[in-house]
């Protein structure tokens, strides 16, 4: 069973461990000191910004982090993405990591994505689409999106999070079921 709850400051040590893990740090190129985790996740945990950070558990064990936001709430992201694909006004984006290395490669990512998509339709009734750009080199991430039912709608050069990555991104979309 998949559940999630808003990330709180008590979760920051776990998030720091996940961000430091090589399988996560490669794609989530974040600092993982306590100060950096507080800086990057504190505003969301305190409700001071529109983006949401969720701790995802499978069968009661925390295994992943899911971020969710309306694309239009972050102007720089909206501008970059809408230069490449049409972005509906209420479109949402997701980002995710599997922190528990024991859950990597077991289909958990696609299960969590499917679950988050269903929750997003319920939580954002005006959203008609979920649009997710993924660096092309992150094969596991875009394969999880495809297994979850996303459609690749474009390829584009976008600013990569990790400076060692090429700019090429695949852009995926889920459309609200009619």
N, C-alpha and C. Protein backbone atom coordinates (compact mmCIF):
# COMPACT_ATOMS: atom_id res chain seq x y z
N UNK A 1 0.84 -1.18 0.00
CA UNK A 1 0.00 0.00 0.00
C UNK A 1 0.89 1.24 0.00
N UNK A 2 0.54 2.19 -0.85
CA UNK A 2 1.29 3.44 -0.95
C UNK A 2 0.55 4.52 -0.18
N UNK A 3 1.30 5.26 0.63
CA UNK A 3 0.76 6.42 1.32
C UNK A 3 1.79 7.54 1.22
N UNK A 4 1.32 8.75 1.45
CA UNK A 4 2.27 9.86 1.53
C UNK A 4 1.78 10.87 2.53
N UNK A 5 2.72 11.64 3.00
CA UNK A 5 2.39 12.74 3.90
C UNK A 5 3.38 13.87 3.61
N UNK A 6 2.95 15.08 3.96
CA UNK A 6 3.83 16.23 3.72
C UNK A 6 5.13 16.04 4.48
N UNK A 7 6.21 16.38 3.83
CA UNK A 7 7.53 16.31 4.44
C UNK A 7 7.61 17.31 5.57
N UNK A 8 8.15 16.89 6.70
CA UNK A 8 8.34 17.77 7.85
C UNK A 8 9.81 17.85 8.22
N UNK A 9 10.13 18.78 9.08
CA UNK A 9 11.54 18.96 9.46
C UNK A 9 12.12 17.72 10.13
N UNK A 10 11.29 16.91 10.78
CA UNK A 10 11.79 15.67 11.37
C UNK A 10 12.28 14.68 10.31
N UNK A 11 11.84 14.87 9.07
CA UNK A 11 12.25 13.98 7.97
C UNK A 11 13.55 14.42 7.31
N UNK A 12 14.05 15.60 7.65
CA UNK A 12 15.22 16.13 6.96
C UNK A 12 16.46 15.24 7.07
N UNK A 13 16.74 14.61 8.22
CA UNK A 13 17.91 13.71 8.25
C UNK A 13 17.77 12.54 7.26
N UNK A 14 16.58 12.00 7.12
CA UNK A 14 16.36 10.92 6.15
C UNK A 14 16.57 11.44 4.73
N UNK A 15 16.01 12.59 4.43
CA UNK A 15 16.17 13.18 3.10
C UNK A 15 17.65 13.45 2.82
N UNK A 16 18.38 13.93 3.82
CA UNK A 16 19.81 14.18 3.65
C UNK A 16 20.55 12.89 3.32
N UNK A 17 20.21 11.80 3.99
CA UNK A 17 20.85 10.51 3.69
C UNK A 17 20.53 10.07 2.27
N UNK A 18 19.27 10.24 1.88
CA UNK A 18 18.90 9.86 0.51
C UNK A 18 19.65 10.71 -0.52
N UNK A 19 19.70 12.02 -0.29
CA UNK A 19 20.38 12.91 -1.24
C UNK A 19 21.87 12.61 -1.34
N UNK A 20 22.45 12.08 -0.28
CA UNK A 20 23.87 11.74 -0.27
C UNK A 20 24.16 10.39 -0.93
N UNK A 21 23.15 9.56 -1.05
CA UNK A 21 23.34 8.22 -1.63
C UNK A 21 23.72 8.35 -3.11
N UNK A 22 24.73 7.62 -3.56
CA UNK A 22 25.18 7.77 -4.95
C UNK A 22 24.08 7.58 -6.00
N UNK A 23 23.16 6.64 -5.78
CA UNK A 23 22.11 6.41 -6.78
C UNK A 23 21.12 7.57 -6.87
N UNK A 24 21.04 8.38 -5.81
CA UNK A 24 20.17 9.56 -5.83
C UNK A 24 20.97 10.79 -6.25
N UNK A 25 22.13 10.97 -5.65
CA UNK A 25 22.92 12.19 -5.89
C UNK A 25 23.25 12.37 -7.37
N UNK A 26 23.41 11.28 -8.08
CA UNK A 26 23.70 11.38 -9.52
C UNK A 26 22.64 12.19 -10.25
N UNK A 27 21.38 12.02 -9.88
CA UNK A 27 20.28 12.67 -10.60
C UNK A 27 19.68 13.83 -9.83
N UNK A 28 19.73 13.81 -8.52
CA UNK A 28 19.27 14.91 -7.67
C UNK A 28 20.53 15.58 -7.14
N UNK A 29 21.06 16.46 -7.91
CA UNK A 29 22.34 17.09 -7.63
C UNK A 29 22.15 18.21 -6.60
N UNK A 30 21.86 17.81 -5.36
CA UNK A 30 21.61 18.74 -4.27
C UNK A 30 22.69 18.61 -3.21
N UNK A 31 22.90 19.68 -2.51
CA UNK A 31 23.71 19.59 -1.30
C UNK A 31 22.90 18.81 -0.27
N UNK A 32 23.58 18.14 0.63
CA UNK A 32 22.86 17.32 1.61
C UNK A 32 23.29 17.59 3.05
N UNK A 33 23.93 18.73 3.28
CA UNK A 33 24.20 19.13 4.67
C UNK A 33 22.88 19.47 5.34
N UNK A 34 22.83 19.42 6.67
CA UNK A 34 21.59 19.81 7.35
C UNK A 34 21.12 21.22 6.96
N UNK A 35 22.06 22.15 6.81
CA UNK A 35 21.70 23.52 6.45
C UNK A 35 21.10 23.58 5.04
N UNK A 36 21.68 22.83 4.12
CA UNK A 36 21.19 22.83 2.74
C UNK A 36 19.82 22.18 2.64
N UNK A 37 19.61 21.10 3.37
CA UNK A 37 18.30 20.44 3.34
C UNK A 37 17.24 21.37 3.93
N UNK A 38 17.58 22.04 5.01
CA UNK A 38 16.65 23.02 5.60
C UNK A 38 16.35 24.13 4.60
N UNK A 39 17.37 24.64 3.95
CA UNK A 39 17.20 25.72 2.97
C UNK A 39 16.31 25.28 1.81
N UNK A 40 16.54 24.06 1.29
CA UNK A 40 15.85 23.61 0.10
C UNK A 40 14.46 23.04 0.36
N UNK A 41 14.25 22.45 1.53
CA UNK A 41 12.98 21.78 1.82
C UNK A 41 12.17 22.45 2.93
N UNK A 42 12.82 23.29 3.72
CA UNK A 42 12.14 23.96 4.82
C UNK A 42 10.95 24.81 4.41
N UNK A 43 11.09 25.68 3.39
CA UNK A 43 9.95 26.51 3.00
C UNK A 43 8.71 25.70 2.61
N UNK A 44 8.90 24.60 1.91
CA UNK A 44 7.75 23.76 1.55
C UNK A 44 7.16 23.11 2.80
N UNK A 45 8.03 22.60 3.65
CA UNK A 45 7.56 21.92 4.87
C UNK A 45 6.76 22.88 5.76
N UNK A 46 7.12 24.15 5.74
CA UNK A 46 6.42 25.15 6.55
C UNK A 46 5.25 25.78 5.81
N UNK A 47 5.00 25.38 4.56
CA UNK A 47 3.89 25.94 3.79
C UNK A 47 4.16 27.33 3.29
N UNK A 48 5.43 27.71 3.13
CA UNK A 48 5.78 29.06 2.71
C UNK A 48 5.96 29.19 1.20
N UNK A 49 5.80 28.11 0.48
CA UNK A 49 5.89 28.18 -0.98
C UNK A 49 4.84 27.25 -1.57
N UNK A 50 4.50 27.45 -2.83
CA UNK A 50 3.39 26.67 -3.40
C UNK A 50 3.74 25.21 -3.69
N UNK A 51 5.01 24.88 -3.89
CA UNK A 51 5.38 23.50 -4.17
C UNK A 51 5.19 22.62 -2.94
N UNK A 52 4.97 21.35 -3.20
CA UNK A 52 4.73 20.37 -2.14
C UNK A 52 5.82 19.30 -2.18
N UNK A 53 6.32 18.94 -1.01
CA UNK A 53 7.26 17.83 -0.87
C UNK A 53 6.58 16.77 -0.02
N UNK A 54 6.58 15.55 -0.54
CA UNK A 54 5.86 14.45 0.10
C UNK A 54 6.82 13.30 0.41
N UNK A 55 6.71 12.76 1.59
CA UNK A 55 7.42 11.54 1.96
C UNK A 55 6.50 10.37 1.59
N UNK A 56 6.99 9.49 0.72
CA UNK A 56 6.17 8.39 0.21
C UNK A 56 6.59 7.10 0.91
N UNK A 57 5.61 6.39 1.42
CA UNK A 57 5.86 5.12 2.08
C UNK A 57 5.17 4.00 1.32
N UNK A 58 5.80 2.85 1.31
CA UNK A 58 5.22 1.64 0.74
C UNK A 58 5.14 0.63 1.87
N UNK A 59 3.92 0.18 2.14
CA UNK A 59 3.68 -0.75 3.25
C UNK A 59 4.26 -0.23 4.56
N UNK A 60 4.09 1.09 4.78
CA UNK A 60 4.49 1.71 6.03
C UNK A 60 5.94 2.12 6.14
N UNK A 61 6.77 1.81 5.14
CA UNK A 61 8.19 2.16 5.18
C UNK A 61 8.49 3.31 4.23
N UNK A 62 9.11 4.39 4.72
CA UNK A 62 9.48 5.49 3.82
C UNK A 62 10.49 5.01 2.79
N UNK A 63 10.17 5.26 1.51
CA UNK A 63 11.06 4.79 0.44
C UNK A 63 11.38 5.88 -0.59
N UNK A 64 10.60 6.97 -0.61
CA UNK A 64 10.76 7.92 -1.71
C UNK A 64 10.34 9.32 -1.29
N UNK A 65 10.76 10.26 -2.12
CA UNK A 65 10.35 11.65 -2.00
C UNK A 65 9.66 12.03 -3.31
N UNK A 66 8.54 12.70 -3.21
CA UNK A 66 7.80 13.17 -4.38
C UNK A 66 7.60 14.67 -4.23
N UNK A 67 7.94 15.41 -5.27
CA UNK A 67 7.65 16.84 -5.30
C UNK A 67 6.54 17.06 -6.32
N UNK A 68 5.67 18.01 -5.98
CA UNK A 68 4.55 18.30 -6.87
C UNK A 68 4.29 19.80 -6.83
N UNK A 69 4.07 20.38 -8.00
CA UNK A 69 3.75 21.81 -8.05
C UNK A 69 3.04 22.14 -9.35
N UNK A 70 2.32 23.23 -9.30
CA UNK A 70 1.77 23.80 -10.54
C UNK A 70 2.94 24.45 -11.26
N UNK A 71 3.10 24.17 -12.53
CA UNK A 71 4.22 24.71 -13.28
C UNK A 71 4.20 26.23 -13.29
N UNK A 72 3.02 26.83 -13.41
CA UNK A 72 2.90 28.29 -13.48
C UNK A 72 3.31 28.98 -12.18
N UNK A 73 3.39 28.23 -11.08
CA UNK A 73 3.81 28.84 -9.81
C UNK A 73 5.31 29.13 -9.76
N UNK A 74 6.05 28.64 -10.72
CA UNK A 74 7.50 28.85 -10.79
C UNK A 74 7.82 29.40 -12.18
N UNK A 75 7.88 30.72 -12.28
CA UNK A 75 7.95 31.41 -13.57
C UNK A 75 9.11 30.94 -14.44
N UNK A 76 10.27 30.76 -13.87
CA UNK A 76 11.43 30.33 -14.66
C UNK A 76 11.19 28.96 -15.29
N UNK A 77 10.63 28.03 -14.51
CA UNK A 77 10.31 26.71 -15.04
C UNK A 77 9.24 26.79 -16.11
N UNK A 78 8.22 27.61 -15.86
CA UNK A 78 7.15 27.78 -16.84
C UNK A 78 7.69 28.32 -18.15
N UNK A 79 8.53 29.36 -18.06
CA UNK A 79 9.07 29.97 -19.27
C UNK A 79 9.90 28.97 -20.07
N UNK A 80 10.76 28.22 -19.38
CA UNK A 80 11.63 27.28 -20.07
C UNK A 80 10.81 26.16 -20.74
N UNK A 81 9.84 25.63 -20.01
CA UNK A 81 9.05 24.52 -20.54
C UNK A 81 8.07 24.98 -21.62
N UNK A 82 7.43 26.12 -21.41
CA UNK A 82 6.43 26.58 -22.39
C UNK A 82 7.07 27.05 -23.69
N UNK A 83 8.37 27.27 -23.70
CA UNK A 83 9.07 27.59 -24.95
C UNK A 83 9.19 26.36 -25.83
N UNK A 84 8.94 25.18 -25.25
CA UNK A 84 9.12 23.93 -25.97
C UNK A 84 7.80 23.21 -26.26
N UNK A 85 6.90 23.21 -25.28
CA UNK A 85 5.62 22.51 -25.42
C UNK A 85 4.51 23.40 -24.87
N UNK A 86 3.28 23.22 -25.32
CA UNK A 86 2.17 23.96 -24.72
C UNK A 86 2.00 23.52 -23.26
N UNK A 87 1.89 24.49 -22.37
CA UNK A 87 1.71 24.21 -20.95
C UNK A 87 0.37 24.82 -20.52
N UNK A 88 -0.64 23.99 -20.30
CA UNK A 88 -1.93 24.52 -19.84
C UNK A 88 -1.77 25.30 -18.53
N UNK A 89 -2.65 26.27 -18.32
CA UNK A 89 -2.55 27.15 -17.14
C UNK A 89 -2.43 26.39 -15.82
N UNK A 90 -3.16 25.36 -15.64
CA UNK A 90 -3.19 24.64 -14.36
C UNK A 90 -2.34 23.37 -14.37
N UNK A 91 -1.47 23.21 -15.37
CA UNK A 91 -0.65 22.00 -15.47
C UNK A 91 0.23 21.84 -14.24
N UNK A 92 0.44 20.60 -13.88
CA UNK A 92 1.22 20.24 -12.69
C UNK A 92 2.46 19.48 -13.17
N UNK A 93 3.51 19.54 -12.37
CA UNK A 93 4.68 18.72 -12.63
C UNK A 93 5.03 17.92 -11.39
N UNK A 94 5.70 16.81 -11.60
CA UNK A 94 6.15 15.94 -10.52
C UNK A 94 7.65 15.74 -10.64
N UNK A 95 8.28 15.53 -9.52
CA UNK A 95 9.67 15.07 -9.49
C UNK A 95 9.75 14.07 -8.36
N UNK A 96 10.66 13.14 -8.44
CA UNK A 96 10.64 12.01 -7.51
C UNK A 96 12.01 11.40 -7.41
N UNK A 97 12.21 10.75 -6.31
CA UNK A 97 13.41 9.94 -6.11
C UNK A 97 13.04 8.74 -5.26
N UNK A 98 13.70 7.63 -5.53
CA UNK A 98 13.58 6.45 -4.68
C UNK A 98 14.82 6.47 -3.79
N UNK A 99 14.64 6.76 -2.52
CA UNK A 99 15.76 6.88 -1.60
C UNK A 99 16.26 5.55 -1.10
N UNK A 100 15.36 4.61 -0.93
CA UNK A 100 15.70 3.29 -0.41
C UNK A 100 16.27 2.46 -1.55
N UNK A 101 17.59 2.24 -1.53
CA UNK A 101 18.26 1.51 -2.62
C UNK A 101 17.67 0.12 -2.81
N UNK A 102 17.16 -0.49 -1.75
CA UNK A 102 16.55 -1.81 -1.86
C UNK A 102 15.28 -1.83 -2.69
N UNK A 103 14.69 -0.66 -2.93
CA UNK A 103 13.46 -0.57 -3.74
C UNK A 103 13.73 -0.21 -5.19
N UNK A 104 14.98 0.11 -5.52
CA UNK A 104 15.33 0.51 -6.89
C UNK A 104 15.28 -0.71 -7.81
N UNK A 105 14.69 -0.52 -8.99
CA UNK A 105 14.62 -1.58 -9.98
C UNK A 105 13.57 -2.64 -9.72
N UNK A 106 12.62 -2.34 -8.84
CA UNK A 106 11.59 -3.31 -8.48
C UNK A 106 10.19 -2.86 -8.88
N UNK A 107 10.09 -1.81 -9.70
CA UNK A 107 8.79 -1.33 -10.15
C UNK A 107 8.13 -0.35 -9.19
N UNK A 108 8.81 -0.01 -8.11
CA UNK A 108 8.23 0.91 -7.12
C UNK A 108 8.05 2.30 -7.72
N UNK A 109 9.02 2.75 -8.52
CA UNK A 109 8.92 4.08 -9.11
C UNK A 109 7.68 4.27 -9.93
N UNK A 110 7.41 3.32 -10.83
CA UNK A 110 6.22 3.46 -11.68
C UNK A 110 4.93 3.34 -10.86
N UNK A 111 4.93 2.50 -9.82
CA UNK A 111 3.75 2.41 -8.94
C UNK A 111 3.50 3.74 -8.24
N UNK A 112 4.57 4.35 -7.73
CA UNK A 112 4.44 5.63 -7.02
C UNK A 112 3.99 6.72 -7.98
N UNK A 113 4.53 6.73 -9.17
CA UNK A 113 4.13 7.74 -10.16
C UNK A 113 2.65 7.59 -10.50
N UNK A 114 2.20 6.37 -10.80
CA UNK A 114 0.77 6.15 -11.11
C UNK A 114 -0.10 6.64 -9.96
N UNK A 115 0.30 6.31 -8.74
CA UNK A 115 -0.46 6.70 -7.56
C UNK A 115 -0.49 8.22 -7.43
N UNK A 116 0.66 8.89 -7.63
CA UNK A 116 0.72 10.35 -7.52
C UNK A 116 -0.11 11.02 -8.61
N UNK A 117 -0.14 10.44 -9.79
CA UNK A 117 -0.97 10.99 -10.87
C UNK A 117 -2.44 10.94 -10.47
N UNK A 118 -2.90 9.81 -9.97
CA UNK A 118 -4.30 9.70 -9.53
C UNK A 118 -4.62 10.70 -8.42
N UNK A 119 -3.71 10.84 -7.47
CA UNK A 119 -3.91 11.82 -6.39
C UNK A 119 -3.95 13.24 -6.94
N UNK A 120 -3.11 13.51 -7.92
CA UNK A 120 -3.06 14.86 -8.49
C UNK A 120 -4.37 15.21 -9.17
N UNK A 121 -4.97 14.27 -9.90
CA UNK A 121 -6.27 14.56 -10.52
C UNK A 121 -7.30 14.91 -9.45
N UNK A 122 -7.25 14.22 -8.32
CA UNK A 122 -8.21 14.51 -7.24
C UNK A 122 -7.89 15.84 -6.54
N UNK A 123 -6.61 16.10 -6.31
CA UNK A 123 -6.20 17.28 -5.54
C UNK A 123 -6.20 18.57 -6.37
N UNK A 124 -6.05 18.46 -7.68
CA UNK A 124 -6.00 19.62 -8.58
C UNK A 124 -7.08 19.45 -9.64
N UNK A 125 -8.34 19.68 -9.28
CA UNK A 125 -9.44 19.38 -10.21
C UNK A 125 -9.41 20.19 -11.50
N UNK A 126 -8.70 21.33 -11.54
CA UNK A 126 -8.64 22.13 -12.76
C UNK A 126 -7.43 21.77 -13.63
N UNK A 127 -6.56 20.91 -13.14
CA UNK A 127 -5.39 20.50 -13.93
C UNK A 127 -5.82 19.56 -15.04
N UNK A 128 -5.42 19.87 -16.26
CA UNK A 128 -5.75 19.01 -17.39
C UNK A 128 -4.56 18.15 -17.80
N UNK A 129 -3.37 18.50 -17.29
CA UNK A 129 -2.17 17.77 -17.69
C UNK A 129 -1.14 17.78 -16.58
N UNK A 130 -0.32 16.75 -16.58
CA UNK A 130 0.88 16.67 -15.76
C UNK A 130 2.03 16.55 -16.75
N UNK A 131 2.98 17.48 -16.68
CA UNK A 131 4.09 17.52 -17.62
C UNK A 131 5.39 17.39 -16.84
N UNK A 132 6.23 16.44 -17.27
CA UNK A 132 7.44 16.12 -16.52
C UNK A 132 8.63 16.05 -17.48
N UNK A 133 9.57 17.00 -17.35
CA UNK A 133 10.80 16.89 -18.12
C UNK A 133 11.82 16.02 -17.36
N UNK A 134 12.52 15.17 -18.11
CA UNK A 134 13.51 14.27 -17.51
C UNK A 134 14.77 14.31 -18.36
N UNK A 135 15.92 14.47 -17.72
CA UNK A 135 17.17 14.44 -18.48
C UNK A 135 17.25 13.09 -19.20
N UNK A 136 17.57 13.14 -20.48
CA UNK A 136 17.52 11.93 -21.32
C UNK A 136 18.42 10.82 -20.81
N UNK A 137 19.51 11.16 -20.17
CA UNK A 137 20.44 10.15 -19.67
C UNK A 137 19.87 9.35 -18.49
N UNK A 138 18.81 9.86 -17.85
CA UNK A 138 18.23 9.18 -16.70
C UNK A 138 17.20 8.15 -17.18
N UNK A 139 17.72 7.08 -17.72
CA UNK A 139 16.89 6.06 -18.35
C UNK A 139 15.88 5.47 -17.37
N UNK A 140 16.31 5.18 -16.15
CA UNK A 140 15.39 4.58 -15.18
C UNK A 140 14.20 5.49 -14.91
N UNK A 141 14.42 6.79 -14.87
CA UNK A 141 13.33 7.72 -14.59
C UNK A 141 12.33 7.76 -15.73
N UNK A 142 12.82 7.91 -16.95
CA UNK A 142 11.85 8.01 -18.04
C UNK A 142 11.20 6.68 -18.35
N UNK A 143 11.88 5.59 -18.07
CA UNK A 143 11.22 4.28 -18.25
C UNK A 143 10.11 4.10 -17.21
N UNK A 144 10.34 4.58 -15.98
CA UNK A 144 9.29 4.51 -14.95
C UNK A 144 8.08 5.33 -15.37
N UNK A 145 8.31 6.50 -15.97
CA UNK A 145 7.20 7.31 -16.46
C UNK A 145 6.43 6.58 -17.55
N UNK A 146 7.14 5.95 -18.46
CA UNK A 146 6.47 5.21 -19.53
C UNK A 146 5.67 4.04 -18.97
N UNK A 147 6.25 3.32 -18.02
CA UNK A 147 5.53 2.21 -17.41
C UNK A 147 4.30 2.69 -16.65
N UNK A 148 4.36 3.92 -16.15
CA UNK A 148 3.22 4.49 -15.43
C UNK A 148 2.15 5.04 -16.37
N UNK A 149 2.43 5.07 -17.68
CA UNK A 149 1.43 5.51 -18.64
C UNK A 149 1.66 6.87 -19.26
N UNK A 150 2.80 7.51 -18.98
CA UNK A 150 3.08 8.82 -19.56
C UNK A 150 3.44 8.67 -21.04
N UNK A 151 3.17 9.72 -21.78
CA UNK A 151 3.50 9.78 -23.19
C UNK A 151 4.63 10.79 -23.40
N UNK A 152 5.66 10.36 -24.13
CA UNK A 152 6.73 11.31 -24.47
C UNK A 152 6.20 12.23 -25.55
N UNK A 153 6.20 13.54 -25.26
CA UNK A 153 5.63 14.50 -26.20
C UNK A 153 6.67 15.36 -26.89
N UNK A 154 7.91 15.36 -26.38
CA UNK A 154 8.93 16.21 -26.99
C UNK A 154 10.31 15.83 -26.48
N UNK A 155 11.29 16.30 -27.22
CA UNK A 155 12.68 16.27 -26.80
C UNK A 155 13.17 17.70 -26.92
N UNK A 156 13.93 18.17 -25.92
CA UNK A 156 14.37 19.56 -25.94
C UNK A 156 15.63 19.72 -25.10
N UNK A 157 16.39 20.72 -25.44
CA UNK A 157 17.53 21.09 -24.62
C UNK A 157 17.05 22.02 -23.52
N UNK A 158 17.18 21.55 -22.27
CA UNK A 158 16.83 22.32 -21.09
C UNK A 158 18.03 22.31 -20.16
N UNK A 159 18.07 23.25 -19.26
CA UNK A 159 19.17 23.34 -18.31
C UNK A 159 19.17 22.11 -17.40
N UNK A 160 20.25 21.30 -17.42
CA UNK A 160 20.29 20.12 -16.54
C UNK A 160 20.59 20.52 -15.10
N UNK A 161 20.08 19.71 -14.18
CA UNK A 161 20.35 19.96 -12.76
C UNK A 161 21.81 19.67 -12.43
N UNK A 162 22.34 18.60 -13.01
CA UNK A 162 23.72 18.21 -12.77
C UNK A 162 24.56 18.70 -13.94
N UNK A 163 25.62 19.48 -13.68
CA UNK A 163 26.41 20.03 -14.78
C UNK A 163 27.11 18.99 -15.66
N UNK A 164 27.19 17.75 -15.22
CA UNK A 164 27.83 16.74 -16.06
C UNK A 164 26.88 16.20 -17.13
N UNK A 165 25.58 16.52 -17.01
CA UNK A 165 24.60 16.01 -17.96
C UNK A 165 24.52 16.87 -19.20
N UNK A 166 24.18 16.22 -20.31
CA UNK A 166 23.86 16.93 -21.54
C UNK A 166 22.54 17.67 -21.31
N UNK A 167 22.26 18.63 -22.15
CA UNK A 167 21.02 19.41 -22.02
C UNK A 167 19.78 18.65 -22.48
N UNK A 168 19.96 17.57 -23.26
CA UNK A 168 18.81 16.88 -23.82
C UNK A 168 17.89 16.32 -22.73
N UNK A 169 16.62 16.69 -22.82
CA UNK A 169 15.58 16.20 -21.93
C UNK A 169 14.46 15.59 -22.77
N UNK A 170 13.82 14.58 -22.21
CA UNK A 170 12.58 14.05 -22.76
C UNK A 170 11.46 14.65 -21.93
N UNK A 171 10.40 15.04 -22.59
CA UNK A 171 9.28 15.66 -21.88
C UNK A 171 8.09 14.71 -22.00
N UNK A 172 7.55 14.38 -20.83
CA UNK A 172 6.44 13.42 -20.74
C UNK A 172 5.19 14.14 -20.28
N UNK A 173 4.06 13.53 -20.64
CA UNK A 173 2.77 14.13 -20.28
C UNK A 173 1.76 13.04 -19.93
N UNK A 174 1.01 13.35 -18.88
CA UNK A 174 -0.21 12.60 -18.55
C UNK A 174 -1.36 13.56 -18.80
N UNK A 175 -2.42 13.09 -19.44
CA UNK A 175 -3.62 13.90 -19.62
C UNK A 175 -4.71 13.38 -18.71
N UNK A 176 -5.46 14.32 -18.16
CA UNK A 176 -6.58 13.94 -17.29
C UNK A 176 -7.54 13.03 -18.06
N UNK A 177 -7.90 11.92 -17.48
CA UNK A 177 -8.87 11.04 -18.15
C UNK A 177 -10.21 11.76 -18.30
N UNK A 178 -10.90 11.49 -19.40
CA UNK A 178 -12.20 12.15 -19.60
C UNK A 178 -13.31 11.37 -18.95
